[in-house]
């Protein structure tokens, strides 16, 4: 009796009481993930992440209804969840089992199929493939299991039959089935995620305005339909699909009556996720089905306008990637909080691009330093860099453990980057002679490895994006083809070719600069001046030409560095 009472009191109970209840909800004790706290939409607070199986996290994520191309607002949610998954796997050693659904039976899909005189599966298959391709373009990892509603009709019917048997659902005259919230609330709590009741009024046939459809009777022969045991052809309602696929489908060996994490956009919190929870609690006869509800807030347009297909103000993922890069969008996610509404503006995209440029220049300068340290006769404050590196590593883990706070973690990494660049480019560093015991190579290499791994762990296609930029710029491909028709187009090879070219130009430039101090006679000096002018002019022309093609050279006293521009 105690557990249902606590649930009825809802949000009054928090802190240790909520945690204690959760451990009792599962048939086996739940296991805390060491150090990782997440914000739970149920408790409205941060709490330790708990899993049913040690080191294994089960995660159900609501996928798209495939009646049109996905837009960048959808991508915002999936990108945020991809970053969370990478944090769990890379920093907390969790084996994440992620299931995503594809809703391929829906009113909008059916209507589009009728309008275009196609089978509903042709419509849904087209947009399903486009959606998966879009996720690939964004470097979002594939779910462990992908389920489609049309493949699980028998399981959905079985699920509804169980609810009818327990008198937690009822049929109507046309063969539709509705969930009985009044009957459900006699045993369980409805309104966990959003405690106050909202009239959904799904149909005039429902006994209660808050009752929602589990099964919709077919309106015409043009609709896809199936014949259930209670009679009357029809198809599943929206909310029942996820509940059935997640708990009694092919994935039941992982999920069943408990899911560690369920996620989706904040707009799905009520009624969709509330109804999923109610259906599964009713089916499994348990007081709680999901361990942690995680919701991503929305990506809005400038001025806070919601992005919506119904408002016809969306930008498809494919359209977005014609102007901006996937790394730029991911960086925008990394320097933001998934629980805050973010506006998609030129300013926010510029901020992400500027950060990428900082990383790119940092990696370029580190590589130049490591390649040319003996030539530069330089050293750095290794103790300072290594001490700051250890502190940054600790801060990054701490921030990521605090509800995936990538904004603060990435800010800490940025400070380390700027400190390292300052050391490398400090005139005192370049001009002081390196000693055998303190060349700075180990410190710079350690920082470079840490920074590169950090961004790689969180899904950037490459820390410097060198190869990506080259491949996206046809005018730069000649750098890749200098080695002949058969070329290993790795990032290292591309950088090496540019390094060799810049080194050659640097040597020519240095010879020209040295001519002024090597003049011996009047006649020779005239030739030397002319030659010097010709060589330096050629070097300047190459520098300007490369800048037009996206490669910026930076001439220093005796060396030249390069970076790719966006």
Protein backbone atom coordinates (compact mmCIF):
# COMPACT_ATOMS: atom_id res chain seq x y z
CA UNK A 1 0.00 0.00 0.00
CA UNK A 2 2.89 2.37 0.70
CA UNK A 3 4.23 2.55 -2.83
CA UNK A 4 1.00 3.57 -4.58
CA UNK A 5 0.46 6.18 -1.85
CA UNK A 6 3.85 7.73 -2.54
CA UNK A 7 3.11 7.76 -6.24
CA UNK A 8 -0.26 9.44 -5.69
CA UNK A 9 1.42 12.20 -3.74
CA UNK A 10 3.64 12.64 -6.79
CA UNK A 11 6.02 15.56 -6.87
CA UNK A 12 5.79 16.16 -3.09
CA UNK A 13 8.10 13.21 -2.66
CA UNK A 14 11.62 13.76 -3.87
CA UNK A 15 15.23 13.19 -2.92
CA UNK A 16 15.96 9.92 -1.13
CA UNK A 17 12.32 8.82 -1.05
CA UNK A 18 12.11 8.76 -4.84
CA UNK A 19 15.43 6.92 -5.14
CA UNK A 20 14.35 4.31 -2.58
CA UNK A 21 11.08 3.70 -4.43
CA UNK A 22 12.86 3.19 -7.70
CA UNK A 23 15.08 0.48 -6.32
CA UNK A 24 11.97 -1.39 -5.17
CA UNK A 25 10.11 -1.00 -8.46
CA UNK A 26 12.49 -3.36 -10.25
CA UNK A 27 12.55 -7.09 -9.55
CA UNK A 28 16.29 -6.79 -8.95
CA UNK A 29 18.25 -4.02 -7.20
CA UNK A 30 19.21 -1.13 -9.47
CA UNK A 31 22.85 -0.24 -9.98
CA UNK A 32 24.11 3.35 -9.79
CA UNK A 33 26.47 4.47 -12.56
CA UNK A 34 29.45 5.80 -10.66
CA UNK A 35 29.39 9.59 -10.56
CA UNK A 36 26.85 10.20 -13.34
CA UNK A 37 23.83 12.34 -12.46
CA UNK A 38 21.02 13.13 -14.89
CA UNK A 39 17.98 15.38 -14.79
CA UNK A 40 14.82 13.28 -14.63
CA UNK A 41 11.58 14.75 -16.00
CA UNK A 42 9.65 12.63 -13.50
CA UNK A 43 11.35 13.78 -10.28
CA UNK A 44 12.17 17.21 -11.78
CA UNK A 45 15.66 16.99 -10.31
CA UNK A 46 19.10 15.58 -10.93
CA UNK A 47 19.73 12.15 -9.50
CA UNK A 48 22.22 9.29 -9.94
CA UNK A 49 21.68 7.29 -13.12
CA UNK A 50 20.52 3.77 -12.22
CA UNK A 51 20.56 0.68 -14.44
CA UNK A 52 18.94 -2.69 -13.99
CA UNK A 53 21.98 -4.59 -15.22
CA UNK A 54 25.48 -3.55 -14.10
CA UNK A 55 27.30 -1.58 -16.82
CA UNK A 56 24.41 -2.08 -19.28
CA UNK A 57 21.97 0.73 -20.01
CA UNK A 58 18.70 0.09 -21.82
CA UNK A 59 17.44 3.14 -23.67
CA UNK A 60 14.31 3.70 -25.71
CA UNK A 61 14.24 6.79 -27.92
CA UNK A 62 11.19 8.01 -29.79
CA UNK A 63 11.87 8.06 -33.50
CA UNK A 64 10.14 9.95 -36.32
CA UNK A 65 6.77 9.63 -38.00
CA UNK A 66 7.99 9.25 -41.56
CA UNK A 67 5.63 11.25 -43.75
CA UNK A 68 8.10 13.97 -44.78
CA UNK A 69 11.78 14.87 -44.63
CA UNK A 70 13.21 15.43 -41.15
CA UNK A 71 14.07 19.02 -40.29
CA UNK A 72 16.90 20.53 -38.30
CA UNK A 73 14.68 20.75 -35.19
CA UNK A 74 14.45 16.95 -35.20
CA UNK A 75 18.20 16.78 -35.71
CA UNK A 76 18.73 18.90 -32.59
CA UNK A 77 17.13 16.22 -30.39
CA UNK A 78 18.88 13.27 -32.02
CA UNK A 79 22.24 15.06 -31.96
CA UNK A 80 21.87 15.80 -28.25
CA UNK A 81 20.96 12.19 -27.50
CA UNK A 82 23.89 11.00 -29.61
CA UNK A 83 26.24 13.16 -27.53
CA UNK A 84 24.74 11.72 -24.32
CA UNK A 85 25.22 8.20 -25.61
CA UNK A 86 28.84 8.91 -26.48
CA UNK A 87 29.45 10.34 -23.01
CA UNK A 88 27.94 7.23 -21.41
CA UNK A 89 29.99 4.89 -23.58
CA UNK A 90 33.29 6.75 -23.70
CA UNK A 91 33.49 8.27 -20.22
CA UNK A 92 31.38 5.94 -18.07
CA UNK A 93 32.04 2.62 -19.84
CA UNK A 94 28.36 1.78 -20.27
CA UNK A 95 27.19 -0.76 -22.82
CA UNK A 96 24.27 1.21 -24.24
CA UNK A 97 21.45 -0.79 -25.82
CA UNK A 98 19.43 1.80 -27.68
CA UNK A 99 16.14 1.08 -29.41
CA UNK A 100 14.46 3.59 -31.72
CA UNK A 101 11.05 3.25 -33.34
CA UNK A 102 9.94 4.30 -36.79
CA UNK A 103 6.25 5.21 -36.92
CA UNK A 104 5.27 4.10 -40.41
CA UNK A 105 1.51 3.97 -39.84
CA UNK A 106 -0.12 7.34 -39.17
CA UNK A 107 -2.92 9.60 -40.41
CA UNK A 108 -0.44 11.90 -42.20
CA UNK A 109 1.31 9.00 -43.91
CA UNK A 110 -2.02 7.55 -45.04
CA UNK A 111 -3.19 10.91 -46.36
CA UNK A 112 0.03 11.46 -48.32
CA UNK A 113 -0.25 7.95 -49.78
CA UNK A 114 -3.82 8.70 -50.88
CA UNK A 115 -2.82 12.06 -52.36
CA UNK A 116 0.10 10.57 -54.28
CA UNK A 117 -1.79 7.35 -55.19
CA UNK A 118 0.86 5.18 -53.51
CA UNK A 119 0.86 2.37 -50.98
CA UNK A 120 1.51 3.70 -47.47
CA UNK A 121 4.65 1.56 -47.25
CA UNK A 122 6.12 3.28 -50.31
CA UNK A 123 5.66 6.65 -48.67
CA UNK A 124 7.01 5.60 -45.27
CA UNK A 125 9.97 3.70 -46.77
CA UNK A 126 11.04 6.74 -48.79
CA UNK A 127 11.15 9.05 -45.78
CA UNK A 128 12.54 6.40 -43.46
CA UNK A 129 15.59 5.98 -45.72
CA UNK A 130 15.95 9.76 -46.00
CA UNK A 131 15.83 10.07 -42.22
CA UNK A 132 18.49 7.41 -41.67
CA UNK A 133 20.69 8.99 -44.35
CA UNK A 134 20.31 12.37 -42.65
CA UNK A 135 21.41 10.91 -39.32
CA UNK A 136 24.42 9.40 -41.06
CA UNK A 137 25.29 12.79 -42.55
CA UNK A 138 25.25 14.22 -39.04
CA UNK A 139 27.44 11.38 -37.69
CA UNK A 140 24.66 10.30 -35.33
CA UNK A 141 25.24 6.68 -34.35
CA UNK A 142 22.69 4.12 -35.44
CA UNK A 143 20.45 2.68 -32.72
CA UNK A 144 21.22 -0.86 -31.60
CA UNK A 145 17.73 -1.93 -32.70
CA UNK A 146 15.39 -0.14 -35.11
CA UNK A 147 11.71 -1.10 -34.95
CA UNK A 148 8.85 -0.28 -37.34
CA UNK A 149 5.23 -0.25 -36.28
CA UNK A 150 4.07 -2.26 -39.31
CA UNK A 151 6.36 -5.12 -38.26
CA UNK A 152 4.79 -5.41 -34.80
CA UNK A 153 1.04 -5.45 -35.36
CA UNK A 154 0.55 -8.88 -33.64
CA UNK A 155 2.45 -7.69 -30.54
CA UNK A 156 0.41 -4.47 -30.42
CA UNK A 157 -2.87 -6.40 -30.67
CA UNK A 158 -1.70 -8.74 -27.91
CA UNK A 159 -0.83 -5.76 -25.72
CA UNK A 160 -4.31 -4.25 -26.20
CA UNK A 161 -5.98 -7.60 -25.50
CA UNK A 162 -4.24 -7.72 -22.12
CA UNK A 163 -5.51 -4.26 -21.21
CA UNK A 164 -9.05 -5.19 -22.27
CA UNK A 165 -8.82 -8.35 -20.15
CA UNK A 166 -7.83 -6.27 -17.10
CA UNK A 167 -10.67 -3.83 -17.81
CA UNK A 168 -8.21 -0.97 -18.21
CA UNK A 169 -9.43 -0.39 -21.76
CA UNK A 170 -12.80 -0.55 -23.51
CA UNK A 171 -14.15 -0.92 -27.04
CA UNK A 172 -16.56 1.41 -28.80
CA UNK A 173 -19.29 0.68 -31.30
CA UNK A 174 -17.04 1.18 -34.33
CA UNK A 175 -14.39 -1.24 -33.03
CA UNK A 176 -11.98 1.37 -31.66
CA UNK A 177 -10.33 0.78 -28.27
CA UNK A 178 -9.65 3.45 -25.65
CA UNK A 179 -7.51 3.45 -22.53
CA UNK A 180 -9.64 3.86 -19.38
CA UNK A 181 -7.90 6.47 -17.25
CA UNK A 182 -10.51 6.38 -14.46
CA UNK A 183 -10.02 2.63 -14.04
CA UNK A 184 -6.26 3.00 -14.25
CA UNK A 185 -6.15 5.64 -11.50
CA UNK A 186 -7.80 3.23 -9.07
CA UNK A 187 -4.53 1.26 -9.08
CA UNK A 188 -1.82 3.58 -10.39
CA UNK A 189 -0.86 7.21 -10.74
CA UNK A 190 -1.66 9.09 -13.95
CA UNK A 191 0.07 12.43 -14.45
CA UNK A 192 3.58 11.54 -13.25
CA UNK A 193 5.30 13.63 -15.89
CA UNK A 194 2.72 16.40 -15.93
CA UNK A 195 0.59 16.15 -12.78
CA UNK A 196 -2.33 18.33 -13.88
CA UNK A 197 -4.95 16.93 -16.22
CA UNK A 198 -5.33 18.27 -19.76
CA UNK A 199 -8.36 17.50 -21.89
CA UNK A 200 -7.12 15.72 -25.00
CA UNK A 201 -10.56 14.98 -26.44
CA UNK A 202 -9.22 12.45 -28.95
CA UNK A 203 -12.69 11.32 -29.96
CA UNK A 204 -16.34 11.88 -29.14
CA UNK A 205 -16.60 8.09 -28.79
CA UNK A 206 -14.41 8.06 -25.67
CA UNK A 207 -16.12 7.77 -22.28
CA UNK A 208 -13.79 10.35 -20.78
CA UNK A 209 -12.26 13.36 -22.47
CA UNK A 210 -8.82 12.24 -21.27
CA UNK A 211 -9.14 8.65 -22.51
CA UNK A 212 -6.92 8.06 -25.51
CA UNK A 213 -7.08 5.69 -28.46
CA UNK A 214 -5.22 2.38 -28.37
CA UNK A 215 -6.81 1.17 -31.59
CA UNK A 216 -8.47 3.28 -34.29
CA UNK A 217 -11.26 1.82 -36.40
CA UNK A 218 -10.64 2.08 -40.14
CA UNK A 219 -12.47 4.96 -41.77
CA UNK A 220 -12.31 3.58 -45.30
CA UNK A 221 -11.01 0.67 -47.35
CA UNK A 222 -8.17 2.91 -48.58
CA UNK A 223 -6.53 2.79 -45.14
CA UNK A 224 -4.16 0.03 -44.05
CA UNK A 225 -6.01 -2.07 -41.49
CA UNK A 226 -5.87 -5.31 -39.54
CA UNK A 227 -8.58 -7.47 -37.94
CA UNK A 228 -8.12 -7.88 -34.16
CA UNK A 229 -9.85 -10.40 -31.91
CA UNK A 230 -12.39 -7.88 -30.56
CA UNK A 231 -13.73 -7.29 -34.08
CA UNK A 232 -13.67 -4.40 -36.50
CA UNK A 233 -10.74 -3.60 -38.75
CA UNK A 234 -8.41 -0.85 -37.71
CA UNK A 235 -4.85 0.16 -36.87
CA UNK A 236 -2.82 1.09 -33.79
CA UNK A 237 -3.09 4.42 -32.03
CA UNK A 238 0.05 6.50 -31.69
CA UNK A 239 0.85 5.98 -28.00
CA UNK A 240 0.45 2.19 -27.94
CA UNK A 241 3.09 1.64 -30.61
CA UNK A 242 6.09 2.58 -28.47
CA UNK A 243 4.82 0.77 -25.38
CA UNK A 244 4.30 -2.48 -27.24
CA UNK A 245 7.51 -2.39 -29.26
CA UNK A 246 9.62 -1.54 -26.23
CA UNK A 247 8.18 -4.03 -23.75
CA UNK A 248 6.78 -7.12 -25.48
CA UNK A 249 8.43 -7.01 -28.90
CA UNK A 250 11.59 -8.58 -30.26
CA UNK A 251 13.51 -6.47 -27.75
CA UNK A 252 11.83 -8.02 -24.70
CA UNK A 253 15.04 -9.87 -23.82
CA UNK A 254 16.46 -6.45 -22.93
CA UNK A 255 13.51 -4.29 -21.89
CA UNK A 256 10.26 -5.93 -20.79
CA UNK A 257 8.85 -4.36 -17.59
CA UNK A 258 11.75 -1.95 -17.07
CA UNK A 259 13.60 0.56 -19.24
CA UNK A 260 16.52 2.46 -17.74
CA UNK A 261 16.13 5.57 -19.93
CA UNK A 262 13.39 6.84 -22.20
CA UNK A 263 13.98 10.01 -24.18
CA UNK A 264 12.44 12.32 -26.73
CA UNK A 265 11.74 15.96 -27.46
CA UNK A 266 10.15 18.00 -24.67
CA UNK A 267 7.02 18.33 -26.81
CA UNK A 268 6.45 14.58 -26.38
CA UNK A 269 6.40 14.70 -22.57
CA UNK A 270 2.61 15.03 -22.44
CA UNK A 271 0.51 13.33 -23.54
CA UNK A 272 2.67 10.87 -25.50
CA UNK A 273 5.18 9.83 -22.85
CA UNK A 274 2.67 10.06 -20.03
CA UNK A 275 0.43 7.66 -21.94
CA UNK A 276 3.29 5.29 -22.75
CA UNK A 277 4.10 5.07 -19.04
CA UNK A 278 0.46 4.42 -18.14
CA UNK A 279 0.03 1.70 -20.77
CA UNK A 280 3.17 -0.18 -19.70
CA UNK A 281 2.39 0.07 -16.00
CA UNK A 282 -1.09 -1.29 -16.74
CA UNK A 283 0.24 -4.10 -18.94
CA UNK A 284 3.05 -5.21 -16.63
CA UNK A 285 1.08 -4.43 -13.45
CA UNK A 286 3.87 -2.29 -12.03
CA UNK A 287 3.92 1.21 -10.52
CA UNK A 288 6.78 2.47 -12.71
CA UNK A 289 8.12 1.42 -16.11
CA UNK A 290 10.84 3.97 -16.94
CA UNK A 291 13.79 4.64 -14.66
CA UNK A 292 14.75 8.04 -16.07
CA UNK A 293 12.87 10.30 -18.45
CA UNK A 294 15.26 12.56 -20.40
CA UNK A 295 13.85 15.27 -22.64
CA UNK A 296 15.64 17.58 -25.02
CA UNK A 297 14.30 21.08 -25.34
CA UNK A 298 13.51 22.62 -28.72
CA UNK A 299 15.59 24.31 -31.38
CA UNK A 300 13.69 27.47 -32.27
CA UNK A 301 13.98 30.00 -35.04
CA UNK A 302 15.12 33.56 -34.46
CA UNK A 303 12.77 35.31 -32.07
CA UNK A 304 11.80 32.08 -30.32
CA UNK A 305 9.39 30.86 -33.01
CA UNK A 306 8.76 27.13 -32.87
CA UNK A 307 9.95 25.16 -35.89
CA UNK A 308 7.02 23.13 -37.19
CA UNK A 309 5.98 21.47 -40.41
CA UNK A 310 2.44 22.72 -39.86
CA UNK A 311 3.78 26.29 -39.80
CA UNK A 312 5.83 25.59 -42.94
CA UNK A 313 8.90 27.23 -41.43
CA UNK A 314 11.21 24.24 -41.20
CA UNK A 315 14.65 23.74 -42.70
CA UNK A 316 15.36 20.17 -43.77
CA UNK A 317 18.58 18.53 -42.60
CA UNK A 318 19.70 18.15 -46.20
CA UNK A 319 19.09 21.86 -46.91
CA UNK A 320 20.93 22.87 -43.75
CA UNK A 321 24.00 20.79 -44.64
CA UNK A 322 24.28 22.54 -48.00
CA UNK A 323 25.32 25.69 -46.13
CA UNK A 324 26.70 24.49 -42.81
CA UNK A 325 28.71 21.47 -41.74
CA UNK A 326 27.66 18.63 -39.46
CA UNK A 327 30.58 19.47 -37.18
CA UNK A 328 29.36 23.07 -36.91
CA UNK A 329 25.92 21.85 -35.85
CA UNK A 330 27.41 19.37 -33.38
CA UNK A 331 29.65 22.05 -31.91
CA UNK A 332 26.55 24.22 -31.49
CA UNK A 333 25.07 21.38 -29.40
CA UNK A 334 28.29 20.89 -27.42
CA UNK A 335 28.47 24.51 -26.29
CA UNK A 336 24.76 24.57 -25.34
CA UNK A 337 22.58 22.78 -22.79
CA UNK A 338 20.16 20.17 -24.07
CA UNK A 339 17.60 21.34 -21.48
CA UNK A 340 17.51 24.93 -22.77
CA UNK A 341 15.62 26.21 -25.77
CA UNK A 342 18.16 27.37 -28.36
CA UNK A 343 17.56 29.74 -31.25
CA UNK A 344 18.96 28.84 -34.65
CA UNK A 345 20.53 32.13 -35.72
CA UNK A 346 23.54 33.25 -37.69
CA UNK A 347 25.08 34.37 -34.41
CA UNK A 348 24.74 30.94 -32.77
CA UNK A 349 26.10 29.21 -35.86
CA UNK A 350 28.96 31.71 -36.08
CA UNK A 351 29.86 31.01 -32.46
CA UNK A 352 30.09 27.29 -33.22
CA UNK A 353 32.16 27.94 -36.36
CA UNK A 354 34.55 30.22 -34.48
CA UNK A 355 35.11 27.49 -31.91
CA UNK A 356 35.84 24.97 -34.67
CA UNK A 357 38.35 27.42 -36.13
CA UNK A 358 40.06 27.71 -32.74
CA UNK A 359 40.41 23.93 -32.58
CA UNK A 360 41.62 23.72 -36.17
CA UNK A 361 44.30 26.39 -35.71
CA UNK A 362 45.35 24.77 -32.42
CA UNK A 363 45.90 21.38 -34.03
CA UNK A 364 47.76 22.94 -36.95
CA UNK A 365 50.09 24.85 -34.66
CA UNK A 366 50.67 21.83 -32.43
CA UNK A 367 51.59 19.69 -35.42
CA UNK A 368 53.90 22.36 -36.75
CA UNK A 369 55.57 22.66 -33.36
CA UNK A 370 56.03 18.88 -33.07
CA UNK A 371 57.39 18.58 -36.62
CA UNK A 372 59.77 21.53 -36.38
CA UNK A 373 60.77 21.73 -32.74
CA UNK A 374 64.43 20.98 -33.43
CA UNK A 375 64.54 23.58 -36.21
CA UNK A 376 62.82 26.22 -34.09
CA UNK A 377 65.19 25.58 -31.18
CA UNK A 378 62.20 26.20 -28.93
CA UNK A 379 60.81 24.90 -25.68
CA UNK A 380 57.75 25.66 -23.59
CA UNK A 381 56.70 25.63 -19.97
CA UNK A 382 56.01 21.90 -19.85
CA UNK A 383 55.16 21.90 -16.14
CA UNK A 384 52.45 24.52 -16.63
CA UNK A 385 50.88 22.70 -19.57
CA UNK A 386 50.95 19.26 -17.96
CA UNK A 387 49.53 20.58 -14.68
CA UNK A 388 46.74 22.39 -16.53
CA UNK A 389 46.09 19.25 -18.60
CA UNK A 390 45.55 17.13 -15.48
CA UNK A 391 43.22 19.76 -14.04
CA UNK A 392 41.27 19.99 -17.30
CA UNK A 393 40.87 16.21 -17.53
CA UNK A 394 39.38 16.18 -14.04
CA UNK A 395 37.06 19.12 -14.78
CA UNK A 396 35.84 17.57 -18.04
CA UNK A 397 34.88 14.30 -16.32
CA UNK A 398 33.17 16.23 -13.52
CA UNK A 399 31.18 18.43 -15.92
CA UNK A 400 30.12 15.51 -18.11
CA UNK A 401 28.98 13.66 -14.99
CA UNK A 402 26.76 16.63 -14.13
CA UNK A 403 23.84 15.94 -16.49
CA UNK A 404 26.04 15.86 -19.62
CA UNK A 405 27.24 19.45 -19.16
CA UNK A 406 29.24 19.61 -22.38
CA UNK A 407 29.06 23.42 -22.41
CA UNK A 408 31.25 23.72 -19.32
CA UNK A 409 33.42 20.76 -20.32
CA UNK A 410 34.08 22.24 -23.75
CA UNK A 411 34.79 25.64 -22.21
CA UNK A 412 37.45 24.04 -20.01
CA UNK A 413 39.00 22.40 -23.06
CA UNK A 414 39.00 25.75 -24.86
CA UNK A 415 40.97 27.35 -22.02
CA UNK A 416 43.56 24.58 -22.28
CA UNK A 417 43.75 25.13 -26.05
CA UNK A 418 44.31 28.87 -25.67
CA UNK A 419 46.99 28.35 -23.03
CA UNK A 420 48.83 25.88 -25.25
CA UNK A 421 48.66 28.17 -28.26
CA UNK A 422 49.95 31.04 -26.15
CA UNK A 423 52.94 28.94 -25.08
CA UNK A 424 53.67 27.78 -28.62
CA UNK A 425 53.41 31.26 -30.15
CA UNK A 426 55.04 33.20 -27.33
CA UNK A 427 58.05 35.04 -28.77
CA UNK A 428 60.07 34.10 -25.71
CA UNK A 429 59.21 30.46 -26.36
CA UNK A 430 60.23 30.55 -30.02
CA UNK A 431 63.46 32.39 -29.40
CA UNK A 432 64.75 30.56 -26.35
CA UNK A 433 66.90 27.55 -27.06
CA UNK A 434 65.48 24.17 -26.18
CA UNK A 435 67.31 21.98 -23.73
CA UNK A 436 67.63 18.24 -24.02
CA UNK A 437 65.50 17.72 -20.93
CA UNK A 438 62.74 20.26 -21.71
CA UNK A 439 61.89 20.53 -25.40
CA UNK A 440 58.15 20.77 -24.67
CA UNK A 441 57.35 18.03 -27.16
CA UNK A 442 55.84 15.65 -24.60
CA UNK A 443 53.64 18.36 -23.09
CA UNK A 444 52.30 19.63 -26.42
CA UNK A 445 51.75 16.09 -27.70
CA UNK A 446 49.86 15.17 -24.53
CA UNK A 447 47.56 18.19 -24.80
CA UNK A 448 47.00 17.56 -28.51
CA UNK A 449 46.09 13.92 -27.86
CA UNK A 450 43.66 14.87 -25.09
CA UNK A 451 41.92 17.59 -27.09
CA UNK A 452 41.66 15.45 -30.22
CA UNK A 453 40.28 12.51 -28.23
CA UNK A 454 37.76 14.72 -26.43
CA UNK A 455 36.19 16.02 -29.62
CA UNK A 456 36.43 12.64 -31.32
CA UNK A 457 34.70 10.97 -28.35
CA UNK A 458 31.83 13.42 -28.66
CA UNK A 459 31.35 12.82 -32.36
CA UNK A 460 33.19 15.49 -34.33
CA UNK A 461 34.20 13.86 -37.60
CA UNK A 462 37.79 14.94 -36.95
CA UNK A 463 39.41 17.28 -34.48
CA UNK A 464 40.82 19.50 -37.21
CA UNK A 465 38.48 18.61 -40.06
CA UNK A 466 41.42 18.87 -42.47
CA UNK A 467 40.45 16.06 -44.80
CA UNK A 468 36.77 16.96 -44.64
CA UNK A 469 37.47 20.51 -45.77
CA UNK A 470 39.72 19.36 -48.57
CA UNK A 471 37.13 16.91 -49.84
CA UNK A 472 34.42 19.56 -49.66
CA UNK A 473 36.53 22.00 -51.72
CA UNK A 474 37.19 20.76 -55.27
CA UNK A 475 39.71 23.54 -55.81
CA UNK A 476 41.93 21.98 -53.12
CA UNK A 477 41.88 18.42 -54.40
CA UNK A 478 45.16 18.98 -56.24
CA UNK A 479 46.88 18.67 -52.88
CA UNK A 480 45.56 15.12 -52.68
CA UNK A 481 46.41 14.21 -56.25
CA UNK A 482 50.04 15.40 -56.24
CA UNK A 483 51.09 11.87 -55.30
CA UNK A 484 49.50 10.36 -58.40
CA UNK A 485 46.25 8.58 -59.29
CA UNK A 486 46.49 6.18 -56.39
CA UNK A 487 46.50 8.25 -53.22
CA UNK A 488 45.77 7.39 -49.62
CA UNK A 489 43.38 10.21 -48.78
CA UNK A 490 43.89 10.20 -45.05
CA UNK A 491 43.99 13.34 -43.00
CA UNK A 492 47.67 12.75 -42.20
CA UNK A 493 48.66 12.49 -45.88
CA UNK A 494 46.70 15.63 -46.78
CA UNK A 495 48.35 17.58 -43.99
CA UNK A 496 51.79 16.23 -44.91
CA UNK A 497 51.46 17.42 -48.50
CA UNK A 498 50.53 20.92 -47.37
CA UNK A 499 53.28 20.84 -44.75
CA UNK A 500 55.88 19.96 -47.39
CA UNK A 501 54.66 22.69 -49.72
CA UNK A 502 54.65 25.33 -46.98
CA UNK A 503 58.10 24.22 -45.83
CA UNK A 504 59.45 24.66 -49.39
CA UNK A 505 57.95 28.15 -49.63
CA UNK A 506 59.36 28.99 -46.20
CA UNK A 507 62.86 27.97 -47.30
CA UNK A 508 62.62 30.10 -50.46
CA UNK A 509 61.35 33.04 -48.45
CA UNK A 510 64.12 32.69 -45.89
CA UNK A 511 66.80 32.58 -48.61
CA UNK A 512 65.39 35.80 -50.02
CA UNK A 513 65.44 37.47 -46.62
CA UNK A 514 69.03 36.35 -46.03
CA UNK A 515 70.23 37.97 -49.29
CA UNK A 516 70.12 41.44 -47.73
CA UNK A 517 72.73 40.54 -45.15
CA UNK A 518 74.95 38.66 -47.61
CA UNK A 519 75.59 41.49 -50.09
CA UNK A 520 79.32 41.79 -50.93
CA UNK A 521 79.61 44.25 -53.80
CA UNK A 522 77.62 46.84 -55.64
CA UNK A 523 77.01 44.71 -58.73
CA UNK A 524 76.14 41.67 -56.68
CA UNK A 525 73.90 43.75 -54.41
CA UNK A 526 71.79 44.93 -57.34
CA UNK A 527 71.25 41.34 -58.47
CA UNK A 528 70.57 40.28 -54.92
CA UNK A 529 68.01 43.02 -54.37
CA UNK A 530 66.22 42.18 -57.59
CA UNK A 531 66.31 38.46 -56.87
CA UNK A 532 65.12 39.04 -53.33
CA UNK A 533 62.23 41.14 -54.56
CA UNK A 534 61.23 38.56 -57.18
CA UNK A 535 61.31 35.68 -54.67
CA UNK A 536 59.37 37.52 -51.97
CA UNK A 537 56.78 38.69 -54.51
CA UNK A 538 56.33 35.09 -55.66
CA UNK A 539 55.95 33.97 -52.04
CA UNK A 540 53.35 36.68 -51.42
CA UNK A 541 51.45 35.70 -54.56
CA UNK A 542 51.32 32.06 -53.48
CA UNK A 543 50.16 33.12 -50.02
CA UNK A 544 47.36 35.27 -51.48
CA UNK A 545 46.32 32.57 -53.95
CA UNK A 546 46.13 29.94 -51.22
CA UNK A 547 44.02 32.26 -49.09
CA UNK A 548 41.48 32.50 -51.90
CA UNK A 549 41.39 28.70 -51.95
CA UNK A 550 40.83 28.43 -48.20
CA UNK A 551 44.37 27.98 -46.88
CA UNK A 552 45.77 30.79 -44.77
CA UNK A 553 49.54 31.13 -44.29
CA UNK A 554 50.96 33.01 -41.32
CA UNK A 555 54.55 34.23 -41.82
CA UNK A 556 56.62 34.54 -38.67
CA UNK A 557 60.24 35.57 -38.23
CA UNK A 558 61.80 32.40 -39.61
CA UNK A 559 58.88 30.05 -40.06
CA UNK A 560 55.42 29.85 -41.63
CA UNK A 561 52.33 28.09 -40.31
CA UNK A 562 49.10 27.30 -42.14
CA UNK A 563 45.48 26.67 -41.31
CA UNK A 564 42.35 25.90 -43.27
CA UNK A 565 39.65 28.57 -43.39
CA UNK A 566 35.88 28.08 -43.49
